[in-house]
Amino acid sequence: MEVTRHGEVETLVGNPPEVGTPLPHFKIFNAQNERVKTRDLIGQTTLISVVPDINTKTCSLQTKKFNKAMDQYPNVRFITVSTNTVKQQSVWCAAEDVNNIEMMSDSEESFGYEMKLLIPNTGVLTRSIFIIDDTGTIVYRQIVAEQGDEPNYLAALNALKKLV
């Protein structure tokens, strides 16, 4: 699959999983630098917001918008995943006063490879949103074509509303 970054074509490591398929097996790291595996995400409806670099304007906006939306969905787990290190993510959260959303680091690129979201030329993930149901099945997928653009928040939140 291809996306663009500032109009330049970037190729992902494959085709991201489709709606109706199970979440692939991967590992990411939480704010305590503990390994989180796919099976740890199953059992609760989860919105996974994927950003290339938390320290950029659009990624910051995306994470803050979902952080703010969390209050409307108390039974939904909200996660932001980036290839930033756990330390970089915690510094960003402290500076931006973001406390609710779970930040997960894909610094080892396991998530990126298994979800086929990694852009190998830059070592970052492509901007996207996934919603999984409590069984770990993908029920919503949005891959943002131009990496500098924000995702369609309304479409993602409407899909979430229908699910819960």
N, C-alpha and C. Protein backbone atom coordinates (compact mmCIF):
# COMPACT_ATOMS: atom_id res chain seq x y z
N MET A 1 0.85 -1.18 0.00
CA MET A 1 0.00 0.00 0.00
C MET A 1 0.89 1.23 0.00
N GLU A 2 0.39 2.29 -0.59
CA GLU A 2 1.14 3.55 -0.65
C GLU A 2 0.33 4.68 -0.02
N VAL A 3 1.06 5.60 0.60
CA VAL A 3 0.51 6.85 1.13
C VAL A 3 1.45 7.95 0.65
N THR A 4 1.10 9.19 0.92
CA THR A 4 2.00 10.28 0.56
C THR A 4 2.40 11.06 1.80
N ARG A 5 3.55 11.66 1.72
CA ARG A 5 4.05 12.54 2.79
C ARG A 5 4.58 13.77 2.08
N HIS A 6 3.91 14.90 2.30
CA HIS A 6 4.23 16.15 1.59
C HIS A 6 4.19 15.92 0.08
N GLY A 7 3.23 15.10 -0.37
CA GLY A 7 3.06 14.83 -1.79
C GLY A 7 3.96 13.75 -2.36
N GLU A 8 4.96 13.30 -1.60
CA GLU A 8 5.87 12.26 -2.07
C GLU A 8 5.32 10.89 -1.69
N VAL A 9 5.35 9.97 -2.62
CA VAL A 9 4.82 8.62 -2.39
C VAL A 9 5.73 7.84 -1.44
N GLU A 10 5.12 7.22 -0.46
CA GLU A 10 5.80 6.34 0.50
C GLU A 10 5.11 4.98 0.44
N THR A 11 5.88 3.91 0.45
CA THR A 11 5.32 2.56 0.39
C THR A 11 5.40 1.91 1.76
N LEU A 12 4.27 1.36 2.21
CA LEU A 12 4.23 0.64 3.48
C LEU A 12 4.83 -0.74 3.29
N VAL A 13 5.11 -1.43 4.40
CA VAL A 13 5.69 -2.78 4.33
C VAL A 13 4.71 -3.84 3.84
N GLY A 14 3.48 -3.45 3.59
CA GLY A 14 2.46 -4.38 3.10
C GLY A 14 1.11 -3.71 3.08
N ASN A 15 0.07 -4.52 3.08
CA ASN A 15 -1.29 -4.01 3.11
C ASN A 15 -1.87 -4.19 4.51
N PRO A 16 -2.27 -3.09 5.16
CA PRO A 16 -2.82 -3.18 6.51
C PRO A 16 -4.04 -4.10 6.56
N PRO A 17 -4.29 -4.71 7.71
CA PRO A 17 -5.42 -5.63 7.84
C PRO A 17 -6.75 -4.93 7.58
N GLU A 18 -7.66 -5.69 7.03
CA GLU A 18 -8.98 -5.17 6.65
C GLU A 18 -9.98 -5.33 7.80
N VAL A 19 -11.08 -4.60 7.68
CA VAL A 19 -12.20 -4.75 8.60
C VAL A 19 -12.69 -6.19 8.51
N GLY A 20 -13.01 -6.78 9.67
CA GLY A 20 -13.49 -8.15 9.72
C GLY A 20 -12.41 -9.16 10.02
N THR A 21 -11.14 -8.73 10.02
CA THR A 21 -10.05 -9.65 10.32
C THR A 21 -9.58 -9.44 11.77
N PRO A 22 -8.98 -10.48 12.35
CA PRO A 22 -8.48 -10.31 13.71
C PRO A 22 -7.23 -9.43 13.74
N LEU A 23 -7.04 -8.76 14.84
CA LEU A 23 -5.84 -7.96 15.06
C LEU A 23 -4.63 -8.89 15.02
N PRO A 24 -3.61 -8.58 14.23
CA PRO A 24 -2.42 -9.45 14.17
C PRO A 24 -1.67 -9.48 15.51
N HIS A 25 -0.78 -10.43 15.65
CA HIS A 25 0.04 -10.54 16.86
C HIS A 25 1.23 -9.59 16.79
N PHE A 26 1.40 -8.78 17.82
CA PHE A 26 2.50 -7.82 17.90
C PHE A 26 2.78 -7.53 19.36
N LYS A 27 3.82 -6.76 19.60
CA LYS A 27 4.09 -6.28 20.96
C LYS A 27 4.45 -4.80 20.87
N ILE A 28 3.98 -4.07 21.86
CA ILE A 28 4.27 -2.64 22.01
C ILE A 28 4.61 -2.42 23.48
N PHE A 29 5.00 -1.21 23.84
CA PHE A 29 5.39 -0.94 25.22
C PHE A 29 4.57 0.20 25.80
N ASN A 30 4.07 0.01 27.03
CA ASN A 30 3.26 1.04 27.67
C ASN A 30 4.15 2.07 28.38
N ALA A 31 3.52 3.01 29.06
CA ALA A 31 4.24 4.11 29.71
C ALA A 31 5.21 3.64 30.79
N GLN A 32 4.99 2.43 31.32
CA GLN A 32 5.90 1.87 32.32
C GLN A 32 6.98 1.00 31.66
N ASN A 33 7.03 1.05 30.33
CA ASN A 33 7.97 0.27 29.53
C ASN A 33 7.75 -1.23 29.68
N GLU A 34 6.50 -1.60 29.95
CA GLU A 34 6.13 -3.01 30.03
C GLU A 34 5.59 -3.47 28.68
N ARG A 35 5.91 -4.68 28.31
CA ARG A 35 5.47 -5.24 27.04
C ARG A 35 3.96 -5.48 27.07
N VAL A 36 3.29 -5.02 26.04
CA VAL A 36 1.86 -5.23 25.86
C VAL A 36 1.71 -6.01 24.56
N LYS A 37 1.04 -7.15 24.64
CA LYS A 37 0.85 -7.99 23.45
C LYS A 37 -0.59 -7.86 22.97
N THR A 38 -0.82 -8.33 21.77
CA THR A 38 -2.16 -8.28 21.19
C THR A 38 -3.20 -8.83 22.15
N ARG A 39 -2.91 -9.96 22.75
CA ARG A 39 -3.90 -10.60 23.63
C ARG A 39 -4.29 -9.70 24.82
N ASP A 40 -3.40 -8.75 25.19
CA ASP A 40 -3.70 -7.83 26.28
C ASP A 40 -4.73 -6.77 25.87
N LEU A 41 -4.98 -6.64 24.59
CA LEU A 41 -5.94 -5.65 24.09
C LEU A 41 -7.32 -6.25 23.87
N ILE A 42 -7.41 -7.55 23.93
CA ILE A 42 -8.68 -8.23 23.68
C ILE A 42 -9.51 -8.26 24.97
N GLY A 43 -10.83 -8.09 24.80
CA GLY A 43 -11.72 -8.12 25.96
C GLY A 43 -12.44 -6.81 26.16
N GLN A 44 -12.02 -5.77 25.45
CA GLN A 44 -12.66 -4.46 25.57
C GLN A 44 -12.60 -3.76 24.21
N THR A 45 -13.65 -3.05 23.87
CA THR A 45 -13.62 -2.25 22.65
C THR A 45 -12.48 -1.25 22.77
N THR A 46 -11.67 -1.15 21.72
CA THR A 46 -10.47 -0.31 21.77
C THR A 46 -10.32 0.49 20.49
N LEU A 47 -10.04 1.78 20.65
CA LEU A 47 -9.70 2.64 19.52
C LEU A 47 -8.19 2.81 19.54
N ILE A 48 -7.56 2.44 18.43
CA ILE A 48 -6.10 2.56 18.30
C ILE A 48 -5.81 3.69 17.33
N SER A 49 -5.27 4.76 17.84
CA SER A 49 -4.89 5.92 17.03
C SER A 49 -3.40 5.79 16.74
N VAL A 50 -3.04 5.73 15.47
CA VAL A 50 -1.65 5.51 15.08
C VAL A 50 -1.11 6.81 14.49
N VAL A 51 0.02 7.26 15.03
CA VAL A 51 0.64 8.51 14.56
C VAL A 51 2.11 8.27 14.21
N PRO A 52 2.62 9.01 13.21
CA PRO A 52 4.02 8.84 12.83
C PRO A 52 5.01 9.31 13.91
N ASP A 53 4.80 10.51 14.46
CA ASP A 53 5.75 11.07 15.43
C ASP A 53 5.00 12.01 16.36
N ILE A 54 4.88 11.63 17.62
CA ILE A 54 4.10 12.39 18.59
C ILE A 54 4.56 13.85 18.71
N ASN A 55 5.79 14.12 18.34
CA ASN A 55 6.34 15.46 18.48
C ASN A 55 6.08 16.37 17.28
N THR A 56 5.14 16.00 16.42
CA THR A 56 4.78 16.85 15.30
C THR A 56 3.37 17.39 15.51
N LYS A 57 3.07 18.49 14.83
CA LYS A 57 1.80 19.20 15.05
C LYS A 57 0.57 18.32 14.82
N THR A 58 0.50 17.65 13.68
CA THR A 58 -0.69 16.87 13.36
C THR A 58 -0.85 15.68 14.30
N CYS A 59 0.24 15.03 14.63
CA CYS A 59 0.18 13.89 15.56
C CYS A 59 -0.26 14.34 16.95
N SER A 60 0.23 15.48 17.35
CA SER A 60 -0.15 16.05 18.63
C SER A 60 -1.64 16.38 18.65
N LEU A 61 -2.14 17.01 17.58
CA LEU A 61 -3.56 17.33 17.49
C LEU A 61 -4.42 16.06 17.53
N GLN A 62 -4.01 15.06 16.78
CA GLN A 62 -4.77 13.81 16.72
C GLN A 62 -4.87 13.18 18.11
N THR A 63 -3.77 13.14 18.81
CA THR A 63 -3.75 12.52 20.14
C THR A 63 -4.59 13.31 21.13
N LYS A 64 -4.49 14.63 21.07
CA LYS A 64 -5.28 15.48 21.98
C LYS A 64 -6.78 15.35 21.70
N LYS A 65 -7.17 15.26 20.42
CA LYS A 65 -8.61 15.14 20.09
C LYS A 65 -9.18 13.86 20.67
N PHE A 66 -8.45 12.75 20.53
CA PHE A 66 -8.96 11.49 21.09
C PHE A 66 -8.89 11.49 22.61
N ASN A 67 -7.89 12.13 23.17
CA ASN A 67 -7.80 12.25 24.63
C ASN A 67 -9.04 12.98 25.16
N LYS A 68 -9.46 14.02 24.46
CA LYS A 68 -10.64 14.79 24.86
C LYS A 68 -11.93 13.98 24.67
N ALA A 69 -12.00 13.18 23.62
CA ALA A 69 -13.21 12.40 23.31
C ALA A 69 -13.44 11.24 24.28
N MET A 70 -12.41 10.85 24.99
CA MET A 70 -12.49 9.66 25.86
C MET A 70 -13.61 9.74 26.89
N ASP A 71 -13.86 10.93 27.41
CA ASP A 71 -14.88 11.09 28.45
C ASP A 71 -16.26 10.62 28.01
N GLN A 72 -16.52 10.69 26.70
CA GLN A 72 -17.83 10.30 26.17
C GLN A 72 -17.97 8.78 26.03
N TYR A 73 -16.86 8.07 26.18
CA TYR A 73 -16.84 6.61 25.96
C TYR A 73 -16.14 5.91 27.12
N PRO A 74 -16.78 5.88 28.30
CA PRO A 74 -16.10 5.32 29.48
C PRO A 74 -15.76 3.83 29.38
N ASN A 75 -16.44 3.10 28.49
CA ASN A 75 -16.18 1.66 28.38
C ASN A 75 -15.27 1.31 27.22
N VAL A 76 -14.62 2.31 26.65
CA VAL A 76 -13.74 2.11 25.51
C VAL A 76 -12.31 2.44 25.92
N ARG A 77 -11.40 1.63 25.49
CA ARG A 77 -9.97 1.87 25.73
C ARG A 77 -9.43 2.68 24.55
N PHE A 78 -8.74 3.76 24.83
CA PHE A 78 -8.13 4.61 23.81
C PHE A 78 -6.62 4.49 23.90
N ILE A 79 -5.98 4.17 22.77
CA ILE A 79 -4.53 3.98 22.73
C ILE A 79 -3.96 4.80 21.57
N THR A 80 -2.84 5.45 21.81
CA THR A 80 -2.08 6.07 20.72
C THR A 80 -0.78 5.28 20.58
N VAL A 81 -0.46 4.90 19.34
CA VAL A 81 0.77 4.16 19.07
C VAL A 81 1.64 4.98 18.12
N SER A 82 2.92 5.07 18.45
CA SER A 82 3.91 5.70 17.56
C SER A 82 5.24 4.97 17.76
N THR A 83 6.19 5.26 16.88
CA THR A 83 7.51 4.65 17.03
C THR A 83 8.40 5.45 17.99
N ASN A 84 7.87 6.52 18.56
CA ASN A 84 8.62 7.26 19.57
C ASN A 84 8.92 6.35 20.75
N THR A 85 10.00 6.63 21.45
CA THR A 85 10.32 5.85 22.64
C THR A 85 9.34 6.17 23.76
N VAL A 86 9.29 5.30 24.75
CA VAL A 86 8.45 5.52 25.92
C VAL A 86 8.82 6.84 26.57
N LYS A 87 10.10 7.14 26.68
CA LYS A 87 10.55 8.39 27.29
C LYS A 87 10.06 9.60 26.50
N GLN A 88 10.20 9.56 25.18
CA GLN A 88 9.73 10.68 24.34
C GLN A 88 8.22 10.88 24.52
N GLN A 89 7.49 9.79 24.58
CA GLN A 89 6.05 9.89 24.76
C GLN A 89 5.70 10.48 26.13
N SER A 90 6.39 10.06 27.18
CA SER A 90 6.07 10.58 28.51
C SER A 90 6.44 12.06 28.63
N VAL A 91 7.53 12.47 28.00
CA VAL A 91 7.91 13.90 28.00
C VAL A 91 6.82 14.70 27.28
N TRP A 92 6.34 14.20 26.14
CA TRP A 92 5.29 14.88 25.39
C TRP A 92 4.02 14.98 26.23
N CYS A 93 3.61 13.88 26.86
CA CYS A 93 2.39 13.88 27.69
C CYS A 93 2.49 14.90 28.81
N ALA A 94 3.63 14.98 29.46
CA ALA A 94 3.82 15.94 30.55
C ALA A 94 3.75 17.37 30.01
N ALA A 95 4.39 17.63 28.90
CA ALA A 95 4.42 18.98 28.32
C ALA A 95 3.04 19.41 27.83
N GLU A 96 2.25 18.46 27.33
CA GLU A 96 0.94 18.78 26.74
C GLU A 96 -0.22 18.53 27.70
N ASP A 97 0.08 18.11 28.92
CA ASP A 97 -0.93 17.84 29.94
C ASP A 97 -1.97 16.82 29.44
N VAL A 98 -1.47 15.76 28.84
CA VAL A 98 -2.32 14.67 28.36
C VAL A 98 -2.13 13.51 29.33
N ASN A 99 -3.21 13.15 30.03
CA ASN A 99 -3.10 12.14 31.08
C ASN A 99 -3.96 10.91 30.88
N ASN A 100 -4.97 11.01 30.03
CA ASN A 100 -5.95 9.92 29.96
C ASN A 100 -5.64 8.84 28.95
N ILE A 101 -5.25 9.24 27.76
CA ILE A 101 -5.03 8.27 26.69
C ILE A 101 -3.80 7.42 27.00
N GLU A 102 -3.84 6.15 26.63
CA GLU A 102 -2.69 5.28 26.84
C GLU A 102 -1.72 5.44 25.68
N MET A 103 -0.51 5.81 25.99
CA MET A 103 0.53 5.93 24.97
C MET A 103 1.27 4.60 24.90
N MET A 104 1.46 4.11 23.68
CA MET A 104 2.17 2.86 23.47
C MET A 104 3.28 3.07 22.44
N SER A 105 4.46 2.59 22.78
CA SER A 105 5.62 2.75 21.91
C SER A 105 5.83 1.51 21.06
N ASP A 106 6.04 1.76 19.77
CA ASP A 106 6.40 0.69 18.84
C ASP A 106 7.85 0.89 18.41
N SER A 107 8.69 1.21 19.38
CA SER A 107 10.10 1.48 19.08
C SER A 107 10.81 0.28 18.47
N GLU A 108 10.29 -0.93 18.70
CA GLU A 108 10.88 -2.14 18.10
C GLU A 108 10.23 -2.49 16.76
N GLU A 109 9.24 -1.72 16.35
CA GLU A 109 8.56 -1.84 15.05
C GLU A 109 7.77 -3.14 14.86
N SER A 110 7.47 -3.85 15.92
CA SER A 110 6.68 -5.08 15.84
C SER A 110 5.26 -4.77 15.36
N PHE A 111 4.63 -3.78 15.96
CA PHE A 111 3.29 -3.35 15.57
C PHE A 111 3.29 -2.91 14.11
N GLY A 112 4.26 -2.09 13.74
CA GLY A 112 4.35 -1.57 12.38
C GLY A 112 4.46 -2.66 11.33
N TYR A 113 5.30 -3.65 11.60
CA TYR A 113 5.46 -4.76 10.65
C TYR A 113 4.23 -5.65 10.59
N GLU A 114 3.70 -6.02 11.74
CA GLU A 114 2.56 -6.94 11.78
C GLU A 114 1.28 -6.30 11.27
N MET A 115 1.10 -5.01 11.54
CA MET A 115 -0.08 -4.29 11.05
C MET A 115 0.13 -3.75 9.64
N LYS A 116 1.36 -3.90 9.12
CA LYS A 116 1.73 -3.41 7.78
C LYS A 116 1.57 -1.90 7.68
N LEU A 117 1.88 -1.19 8.76
CA LEU A 117 1.74 0.26 8.82
C LEU A 117 3.09 0.98 8.81
N LEU A 118 4.18 0.23 8.82
CA LEU A 118 5.50 0.85 8.88
C LEU A 118 5.90 1.38 7.50
N ILE A 119 6.45 2.59 7.51
CA ILE A 119 7.04 3.16 6.30
C ILE A 119 8.54 2.95 6.46
N PRO A 120 9.11 1.94 5.77
CA PRO A 120 10.50 1.57 6.03
C PRO A 120 11.52 2.67 5.71
N ASN A 121 11.23 3.54 4.76
CA ASN A 121 12.17 4.62 4.42
C ASN A 121 12.40 5.58 5.57
N THR A 122 11.36 5.79 6.38
CA THR A 122 11.45 6.78 7.45
C THR A 122 11.42 6.15 8.84
N GLY A 123 11.02 4.88 8.93
CA GLY A 123 10.97 4.21 10.23
C GLY A 123 9.83 4.69 11.11
N VAL A 124 8.79 5.27 10.50
CA VAL A 124 7.62 5.70 11.26
C VAL A 124 6.38 4.96 10.76
N LEU A 125 5.32 5.06 11.54
CA LEU A 125 4.05 4.42 11.19
C LEU A 125 3.21 5.38 10.36
N THR A 126 2.35 4.84 9.53
CA THR A 126 1.45 5.68 8.76
C THR A 126 0.25 6.07 9.62
N ARG A 127 -0.20 7.30 9.45
CA ARG A 127 -1.32 7.81 10.24
C ARG A 127 -2.57 6.99 9.94
N SER A 128 -3.19 6.46 10.99
CA SER A 128 -4.36 5.61 10.81
C SER A 128 -5.13 5.48 12.11
N ILE A 129 -6.33 4.91 11.98
CA ILE A 129 -7.17 4.64 13.14
C ILE A 129 -7.77 3.25 12.94
N PHE A 130 -7.74 2.46 14.00
CA PHE A 130 -8.38 1.15 14.00
C PHE A 130 -9.27 1.07 15.23
N ILE A 131 -10.41 0.44 15.07
CA ILE A 131 -11.26 0.13 16.22
C ILE A 131 -11.43 -1.38 16.21
N ILE A 132 -11.20 -1.98 17.38
CA ILE A 132 -11.40 -3.42 17.53
C ILE A 132 -12.51 -3.66 18.54
N ASP A 133 -13.26 -4.72 18.32
CA ASP A 133 -14.30 -5.07 19.29
C ASP A 133 -13.68 -5.90 20.41
N ASP A 134 -14.49 -6.36 21.33
CA ASP A 134 -13.96 -7.07 22.50
C ASP A 134 -13.37 -8.44 22.17
N THR A 135 -13.58 -8.92 20.93
CA THR A 135 -12.98 -10.20 20.53
C THR A 135 -11.65 -10.01 19.81
N GLY A 136 -11.28 -8.74 19.56
CA GLY A 136 -10.04 -8.45 18.85
C GLY A 136 -10.20 -8.37 17.35
N THR A 137 -11.44 -8.31 16.89
CA THR A 137 -11.71 -8.19 15.46
C THR A 137 -11.74 -6.72 15.06
N ILE A 138 -11.11 -6.41 13.95
CA ILE A 138 -11.10 -5.03 13.45
C ILE A 138 -12.48 -4.72 12.89
N VAL A 139 -13.13 -3.68 13.44
CA VAL A 139 -14.46 -3.30 13.00
C VAL A 139 -14.45 -1.95 12.28
N TYR A 140 -13.33 -1.24 12.34
CA TYR A 140 -13.20 0.05 11.66
C TYR A 140 -11.72 0.26 11.33
N ARG A 141 -11.50 0.80 10.12
CA ARG A 141 -10.14 1.08 9.70
C ARG A 141 -10.13 2.36 8.88
N GLN A 142 -9.21 3.24 9.20
CA GLN A 142 -9.02 4.46 8.42
C GLN A 142 -7.52 4.67 8.23
N ILE A 143 -7.07 4.62 6.98
CA ILE A 143 -5.68 4.91 6.65
C ILE A 143 -5.68 6.29 6.00
N VAL A 144 -4.96 7.23 6.57
CA VAL A 144 -4.94 8.60 6.05
C VAL A 144 -3.97 8.64 4.87
N ALA A 145 -4.48 9.04 3.71
CA ALA A 145 -3.69 8.99 2.46
C ALA A 145 -2.50 9.94 2.48
N GLU A 146 -2.69 11.16 2.97
CA GLU A 146 -1.60 12.15 3.05
C GLU A 146 -1.24 12.30 4.52
N GLN A 147 -0.03 11.96 4.85
CA GLN A 147 0.39 11.88 6.25
C GLN A 147 0.32 13.21 7.01
N GLY A 148 0.35 14.32 6.30
CA GLY A 148 0.24 15.62 6.96
C GLY A 148 -1.18 16.00 7.29
N ASP A 149 -2.17 15.23 6.78
CA ASP A 149 -3.57 15.52 7.02
C ASP A 149 -4.04 14.85 8.31
N GLU A 150 -5.03 15.48 8.94
CA GLU A 150 -5.64 14.87 10.11
C GLU A 150 -6.63 13.79 9.64
N PRO A 151 -6.88 12.81 10.49
CA PRO A 151 -7.87 11.79 10.13
C PRO A 151 -9.28 12.37 10.21
N ASN A 152 -10.25 11.59 9.77
CA ASN A 152 -11.65 11.96 9.89
C ASN A 152 -12.13 11.50 11.27
N TYR A 153 -12.01 12.40 12.24
CA TYR A 153 -12.37 12.06 13.63
C TYR A 153 -13.84 11.69 13.73
N LEU A 154 -14.70 12.45 13.06
CA LEU A 154 -16.13 12.22 13.14
C LEU A 154 -16.50 10.83 12.67
N ALA A 155 -15.92 10.39 11.56
CA ALA A 155 -16.21 9.04 11.04
C ALA A 155 -15.79 7.98 12.05
N ALA A 156 -14.61 8.15 12.65
CA ALA A 156 -14.12 7.18 13.63
C ALA A 156 -15.02 7.16 14.88
N LEU A 157 -15.37 8.32 15.37
CA LEU A 157 -16.20 8.38 16.58
C LEU A 157 -17.64 7.91 16.31
N ASN A 158 -18.14 8.15 15.11
CA ASN A 158 -19.47 7.62 14.75
C ASN A 158 -19.43 6.10 14.69
N ALA A 159 -18.37 5.54 14.15
CA ALA A 159 -18.22 4.07 14.11
C ALA A 159 -18.15 3.52 15.54
N LEU A 160 -17.45 4.23 16.40
CA LEU A 160 -17.34 3.81 17.80
C LEU A 160 -18.69 3.87 18.49
N LYS A 161 -19.44 4.95 18.23
CA LYS A 161 -20.76 5.13 18.82
C LYS A 161 -21.69 3.98 18.45
N LYS A 162 -21.63 3.54 17.20
CA LYS A 162 -22.47 2.43 16.75
C LYS A 162 -22.11 1.12 17.44
N LEU A 163 -20.85 0.99 17.79
CA LEU A 163 -20.36 -0.24 18.40
C LEU A 163 -20.71 -0.33 19.88
N VAL A 164 -20.68 0.78 20.57
CA VAL A 164 -20.92 0.78 22.02
C VAL A 164 -22.27 1.34 22.30
